[in-house]
C-alpha cells in the first residue's frame, strides 16, 4: 500500500473569531503558516532550532 506521508501541523485557536484551525509547515520548512477560516487573519509560527513539544497555540 502506498500511504501518503503525514503533513506536520499545529493547532491554532483564533481568538479573533473563536475558531480552531490546523496549520501546516510551509514549503521551505521554516514555519507553520495558516489563516483564520472566518476572517482570513494570517498566522505564522517560526520553527526554531530547539523546537517545542507544544502542539496547540492561541493567535490573538
PDB file of N, CA and C in Angstrom:
ATOM      1  N   UNK A   1       0.836  -1.196   0.000  1.00  0.00           N
ATOM      2  CA  UNK A   1       0.000   0.000   0.000  1.00  0.00           C
ATOM      3  C   UNK A   1       0.874   1.250   0.000  1.00  0.00           C
ATOM      4  N   UNK A   2       0.479   2.208  -0.775  1.00  0.00           N
ATOM      5  CA  UNK A   2       1.186   3.486  -0.834  1.00  0.00           C
ATOM      6  C   UNK A   2       0.454   4.510   0.013  1.00  0.00           C
ATOM      7  N   UNK A   3       0.964   4.731   1.217  1.00  0.00           N
ATOM      8  CA  UNK A   3       0.350   5.718   2.091  1.00  0.00           C
ATOM      9  C   UNK A   3       1.049   7.049   1.918  1.00  0.00           C
ATOM     10  N   UNK A   4       0.266   8.135   1.924  1.00  0.00           N
ATOM     11  CA  UNK A   4       0.844   9.475   1.858  1.00  0.00           C
ATOM     12  C   UNK A   4       1.565   9.773   3.164  1.00  0.00           C
ATOM     13  N   UNK A   5       2.709  10.458   3.091  1.00  0.00           N
ATOM     14  CA  UNK A   5       3.351  10.877   4.350  1.00  0.00           C
ATOM     15  C   UNK A   5       2.478  11.915   5.044  1.00  0.00           C
ATOM     16  N   UNK A   6       2.392  11.826   6.357  1.00  0.00           N
ATOM     17  CA  UNK A   6       1.567  12.771   7.111  1.00  0.00           C
ATOM     18  C   UNK A   6       2.238  14.130   7.142  1.00  0.00           C
ATOM     19  N   UNK A   7       1.444  15.174   6.878  1.00  0.00           N
ATOM     20  CA  UNK A   7       1.963  16.536   6.929  1.00  0.00           C
ATOM     21  C   UNK A   7       1.996  17.009   8.369  1.00  0.00           C
ATOM     22  N   UNK A   8       3.086  17.642   8.760  1.00  0.00           N
ATOM     23  CA  UNK A   8       3.210  18.171  10.114  1.00  0.00           C
ATOM     24  C   UNK A   8       2.262  19.357  10.279  1.00  0.00           C
ATOM     25  N   UNK A   9       1.640  19.446  11.455  1.00  0.00           N
ATOM     26  CA  UNK A   9       0.724  20.548  11.721  1.00  0.00           C
ATOM     27  C   UNK A   9       0.742  20.904  13.199  1.00  0.00           C
ATOM     28  N   UNK A  10       0.225  22.102  13.486  1.00  0.00           N
ATOM     29  CA  UNK A  10      -0.070  22.513  14.860  1.00  0.00           C
ATOM     30  C   UNK A  10      -1.496  23.029  14.868  1.00  0.00           C
ATOM     31  N   UNK A  11      -2.123  23.025  16.022  1.00  0.00           N
ATOM     32  CA  UNK A  11      -3.483  23.529  16.164  1.00  0.00           C
ATOM     33  C   UNK A  11      -3.455  24.967  16.662  1.00  0.00           C
ATOM     34  N   UNK A  12      -4.263  25.817  16.039  1.00  0.00           N
ATOM     35  CA  UNK A  12      -4.341  27.222  16.419  1.00  0.00           C
ATOM     36  C   UNK A  12      -5.778  27.567  16.764  1.00  0.00           C
ATOM     37  N   UNK A  13      -5.981  28.193  17.920  1.00  0.00           N
ATOM     38  CA  UNK A  13      -7.279  28.762  18.264  1.00  0.00           C
ATOM     39  C   UNK A  13      -7.200  30.247  17.935  1.00  0.00           C
ATOM     40  N   UNK A  14      -7.986  30.679  16.963  1.00  0.00           N
ATOM     41  CA  UNK A  14      -8.008  32.084  16.558  1.00  0.00           C
ATOM     42  C   UNK A  14      -8.974  32.835  17.467  1.00  0.00           C
ATOM     43  N   UNK A  15      -8.440  33.695  18.348  1.00  0.00           N
ATOM     44  CA  UNK A  15      -9.276  34.478  19.254  1.00  0.00           C
ATOM     45  C   UNK A  15     -10.147  35.481  18.502  1.00  0.00           C
ATOM     46  N   UNK A  16      -9.703  35.911  17.317  1.00  0.00           N
ATOM     47  CA  UNK A  16     -10.457  36.914  16.547  1.00  0.00           C
ATOM     48  C   UNK A  16     -11.875  36.435  16.256  1.00  0.00           C
ATOM     49  N   UNK A  17     -12.055  35.157  15.963  1.00  0.00           N
ATOM     50  CA  UNK A  17     -13.373  34.625  15.607  1.00  0.00           C
ATOM     51  C   UNK A  17     -13.779  33.408  16.430  1.00  0.00           C
ATOM     52  N   UNK A  18     -12.927  33.023  17.397  1.00  0.00           N
ATOM     53  CA  UNK A  18     -13.245  31.868  18.239  1.00  0.00           C
ATOM     54  C   UNK A  18     -13.263  30.559  17.464  1.00  0.00           C
ATOM     55  N   UNK A  19     -12.399  30.427  16.461  1.00  0.00           N
ATOM     56  CA  UNK A  19     -12.373  29.214  15.652  1.00  0.00           C
ATOM     57  C   UNK A  19     -11.034  28.499  15.798  1.00  0.00           C
ATOM     58  N   UNK A  20     -11.058  27.209  15.497  1.00  0.00           N
ATOM     59  CA  UNK A  20      -9.871  26.364  15.551  1.00  0.00           C
ATOM     60  C   UNK A  20      -9.493  25.965  14.131  1.00  0.00           C
ATOM     61  N   UNK A  21      -8.207  25.908  13.874  1.00  0.00           N
ATOM     62  CA  UNK A  21      -7.732  25.505  12.551  1.00  0.00           C
ATOM     63  C   UNK A  21      -6.385  24.808  12.705  1.00  0.00           C
ATOM     64  N   UNK A  22      -6.144  23.777  11.933  1.00  0.00           N
ATOM     65  CA  UNK A  22      -4.810  23.187  11.845  1.00  0.00           C
ATOM     66  C   UNK A  22      -4.030  23.997  10.823  1.00  0.00           C
ATOM     67  N   UNK A  23      -2.767  24.289  11.136  1.00  0.00           N
ATOM     68  CA  UNK A  23      -1.913  24.943  10.146  1.00  0.00           C
ATOM     69  C   UNK A  23      -0.703  24.056   9.908  1.00  0.00           C
ATOM     70  N   UNK A  24      -0.201  24.075   8.680  1.00  0.00           N
ATOM     71  CA  UNK A  24       0.847  23.157   8.263  1.00  0.00           C
ATOM     72  C   UNK A  24       2.160  23.875   7.985  1.00  0.00           C
ATOM     73  N   UNK A  25       3.224  23.091   7.912  1.00  0.00           N
ATOM     74  CA  UNK A  25       4.555  23.610   7.612  1.00  0.00           C
ATOM     75  C   UNK A  25       4.570  24.151   6.180  1.00  0.00           C
ATOM     76  N   UNK A  26       5.208  25.306   5.996  1.00  0.00           N
ATOM     77  CA  UNK A  26       5.308  25.884   4.654  1.00  0.00           C
ATOM     78  C   UNK A  26       6.299  25.093   3.803  1.00  0.00           C
ATOM     79  N   UNK A  27       6.389  25.443   2.537  1.00  0.00           N
ATOM     80  CA  UNK A  27       7.238  24.685   1.593  1.00  0.00           C
ATOM     81  C   UNK A  27       8.724  24.745   1.933  1.00  0.00           C
ATOM     82  N   UNK A  28       9.157  25.861   2.506  1.00  0.00           N
ATOM     83  CA  UNK A  28      10.580  25.971   2.854  1.00  0.00           C
ATOM     84  C   UNK A  28      10.909  25.264   4.164  1.00  0.00           C
ATOM     85  N   UNK A  29       9.887  24.886   4.931  1.00  0.00           N
ATOM     86  CA  UNK A  29      10.109  24.130   6.160  1.00  0.00           C
ATOM     87  C   UNK A  29      10.578  24.948   7.343  1.00  0.00           C
ATOM     88  N   UNK A  30      10.437  26.290   7.274  1.00  0.00           N
ATOM     89  CA  UNK A  30      10.927  27.128   8.371  1.00  0.00           C
ATOM     90  C   UNK A  30       9.824  27.719   9.248  1.00  0.00           C
ATOM     91  N   UNK A  31       8.545  27.435   8.932  1.00  0.00           N
ATOM     92  CA  UNK A  31       7.443  27.994   9.723  1.00  0.00           C
ATOM     93  C   UNK A  31       6.144  27.237   9.441  1.00  0.00           C
ATOM     94  N   UNK A  32       5.236  27.337  10.390  1.00  0.00           N
ATOM     95  CA  UNK A  32       3.868  26.882  10.191  1.00  0.00           C
ATOM     96  C   UNK A  32       3.071  28.117   9.774  1.00  0.00           C
ATOM     97  N   UNK A  33       2.271  28.006   8.712  1.00  0.00           N
ATOM     98  CA  UNK A  33       1.530  29.156   8.205  1.00  0.00           C
ATOM     99  C   UNK A  33       0.085  28.742   7.955  1.00  0.00           C
ATOM    100  N   UNK A  34      -0.849  29.629   8.354  1.00  0.00           N
ATOM    101  CA  UNK A  34      -2.261  29.370   8.120  1.00  0.00           C
ATOM    102  C   UNK A  34      -3.084  30.627   8.271  1.00  0.00           C
ATOM    103  N   UNK A  35      -4.382  30.497   8.017  1.00  0.00           N
ATOM    104  CA  UNK A  35      -5.302  31.624   8.054  1.00  0.00           C
ATOM    105  C   UNK A  35      -6.553  31.254   8.828  1.00  0.00           C
ATOM    106  N   UNK A  36      -7.144  32.259   9.497  1.00  0.00           N
ATOM    107  CA  UNK A  36      -8.414  32.069  10.196  1.00  0.00           C
ATOM    108  C   UNK A  36      -9.463  31.684   9.151  1.00  0.00           C
ATOM    109  N   UNK A  37     -10.233  30.630   9.412  1.00  0.00           N
ATOM    110  CA  UNK A  37     -11.220  30.197   8.422  1.00  0.00           C
ATOM    111  C   UNK A  37     -12.401  31.162   8.267  1.00  0.00           C
ATOM    112  N   UNK A  38     -12.576  32.091   9.180  1.00  0.00           N
ATOM    113  CA  UNK A  38     -13.691  33.045   9.075  1.00  0.00           C
ATOM    114  C   UNK A  38     -13.275  34.391   8.520  1.00  0.00           C
ATOM    115  N   UNK A  39     -12.242  35.019   9.118  1.00  0.00           N
ATOM    116  CA  UNK A  39     -11.893  36.388   8.708  1.00  0.00           C
ATOM    117  C   UNK A  39     -10.638  36.469   7.846  1.00  0.00           C
ATOM    118  N   UNK A  40      -9.878  35.370   7.754  1.00  0.00           N
ATOM    119  CA  UNK A  40      -8.698  35.350   6.897  1.00  0.00           C
ATOM    120  C   UNK A  40      -7.423  35.886   7.528  1.00  0.00           C
ATOM    121  N   UNK A  41      -7.451  36.199   8.829  1.00  0.00           N
ATOM    122  CA  UNK A  41      -6.248  36.683   9.502  1.00  0.00           C
ATOM    123  C   UNK A  41      -5.153  35.623   9.394  1.00  0.00           C
ATOM    124  N   UNK A  42      -3.946  36.044   8.988  1.00  0.00           N
ATOM    125  CA  UNK A  42      -2.839  35.113   8.823  1.00  0.00           C
ATOM    126  C   UNK A  42      -2.048  34.956  10.120  1.00  0.00           C
ATOM    127  N   UNK A  43      -1.575  33.748  10.352  1.00  0.00           N
ATOM    128  CA  UNK A  43      -0.679  33.486  11.467  1.00  0.00           C
ATOM    129  C   UNK A  43       0.516  32.712  10.923  1.00  0.00           C
ATOM    130  N   UNK A  44       1.699  33.079  11.421  1.00  0.00           N
ATOM    131  CA  UNK A  44       2.940  32.413  11.018  1.00  0.00           C
ATOM    132  C   UNK A  44       3.729  32.118  12.288  1.00  0.00           C
ATOM    133  N   UNK A  45       4.054  30.850  12.513  1.00  0.00           N
ATOM    134  CA  UNK A  45       4.798  30.412  13.687  1.00  0.00           C
ATOM    135  C   UNK A  45       6.129  29.860  13.198  1.00  0.00           C
ATOM    136  N   UNK A  46       7.208  30.578  13.484  1.00  0.00           N
ATOM    137  CA  UNK A  46       8.528  30.155  13.027  1.00  0.00           C
ATOM    138  C   UNK A  46       8.983  28.908  13.766  1.00  0.00           C
ATOM    139  N   UNK A  47       9.711  28.066  13.070  1.00  0.00           N
ATOM    140  CA  UNK A  47      10.257  26.847  13.651  1.00  0.00           C
ATOM    141  C   UNK A  47      11.689  27.139  14.091  1.00  0.00           C
ATOM    142  N   UNK A  48      11.940  27.024  15.392  1.00  0.00           N
ATOM    143  CA  UNK A  48      13.257  27.323  15.944  1.00  0.00           C
ATOM    144  C   UNK A  48      14.146  26.095  16.008  1.00  0.00           C
ATOM    145  N   UNK A  49      15.427  26.294  16.265  1.00  0.00           N
ATOM    146  CA  UNK A  49      16.370  25.177  16.301  1.00  0.00           C
ATOM    147  C   UNK A  49      16.082  24.176  17.424  1.00  0.00           C
ATOM    148  N   UNK A  50      15.580  24.643  18.568  1.00  0.00           N
ATOM    149  CA  UNK A  50      15.296  23.744  19.681  1.00  0.00           C
ATOM    150  C   UNK A  50      13.928  23.119  19.598  1.00  0.00           C
ATOM    151  N   UNK A  51      12.999  23.789  18.908  1.00  0.00           N
ATOM    152  CA  UNK A  51      11.640  23.279  18.775  1.00  0.00           C
ATOM    153  C   UNK A  51      10.879  23.314  20.097  1.00  0.00           C
ATOM    154  N   UNK A  52       9.699  22.725  20.090  1.00  0.00           N
ATOM    155  CA  UNK A  52       8.859  22.630  21.281  1.00  0.00           C
ATOM    156  C   UNK A  52       7.971  21.407  21.158  1.00  0.00           C
ATOM    157  N   UNK A  53       7.535  20.887  22.287  1.00  0.00           N
ATOM    158  CA  UNK A  53       6.614  19.755  22.284  1.00  0.00           C
ATOM    159  C   UNK A  53       5.158  20.209  22.234  1.00  0.00           C
ATOM    160  N   UNK A  54       4.919  21.504  22.366  1.00  0.00           N
ATOM    161  CA  UNK A  54       3.567  22.056  22.363  1.00  0.00           C
ATOM    162  C   UNK A  54       2.960  21.933  20.967  1.00  0.00           C
ATOM    163  N   UNK A  55       1.731  21.453  20.868  1.00  0.00           N
ATOM    164  CA  UNK A  55       1.076  21.250  19.590  1.00  0.00           C
ATOM    165  C   UNK A  55      -0.122  22.175  19.375  1.00  0.00           C
ATOM    166  N   UNK A  56      -0.546  22.910  20.433  1.00  0.00           N
ATOM    167  CA  UNK A  56      -1.712  23.785  20.319  1.00  0.00           C
ATOM    168  C   UNK A  56      -1.348  25.181  20.822  1.00  0.00           C
ATOM    169  N   UNK A  57      -1.784  26.206  20.086  1.00  0.00           N
ATOM    170  CA  UNK A  57      -1.465  27.585  20.390  1.00  0.00           C
ATOM    171  C   UNK A  57      -2.690  28.469  20.197  1.00  0.00           C
ATOM    172  N   UNK A  58      -2.601  29.710  20.701  1.00  0.00           N
ATOM    173  CA  UNK A  58      -3.649  30.715  20.502  1.00  0.00           C
ATOM    174  C   UNK A  58      -3.078  31.863  19.694  1.00  0.00           C
ATOM    175  N   UNK A  59      -3.859  32.337  18.723  1.00  0.00           N
ATOM    176  CA  UNK A  59      -3.491  33.512  17.944  1.00  0.00           C
ATOM    177  C   UNK A  59      -4.386  34.643  18.421  1.00  0.00           C
ATOM    178  N   UNK A  60      -3.787  35.724  18.907  1.00  0.00           N
ATOM    179  CA  UNK A  60      -4.562  36.844  19.444  1.00  0.00           C
ATOM    180  C   UNK A  60      -4.612  37.995  18.505  1.00  0.00           C
TER     181      UNK A  60
END
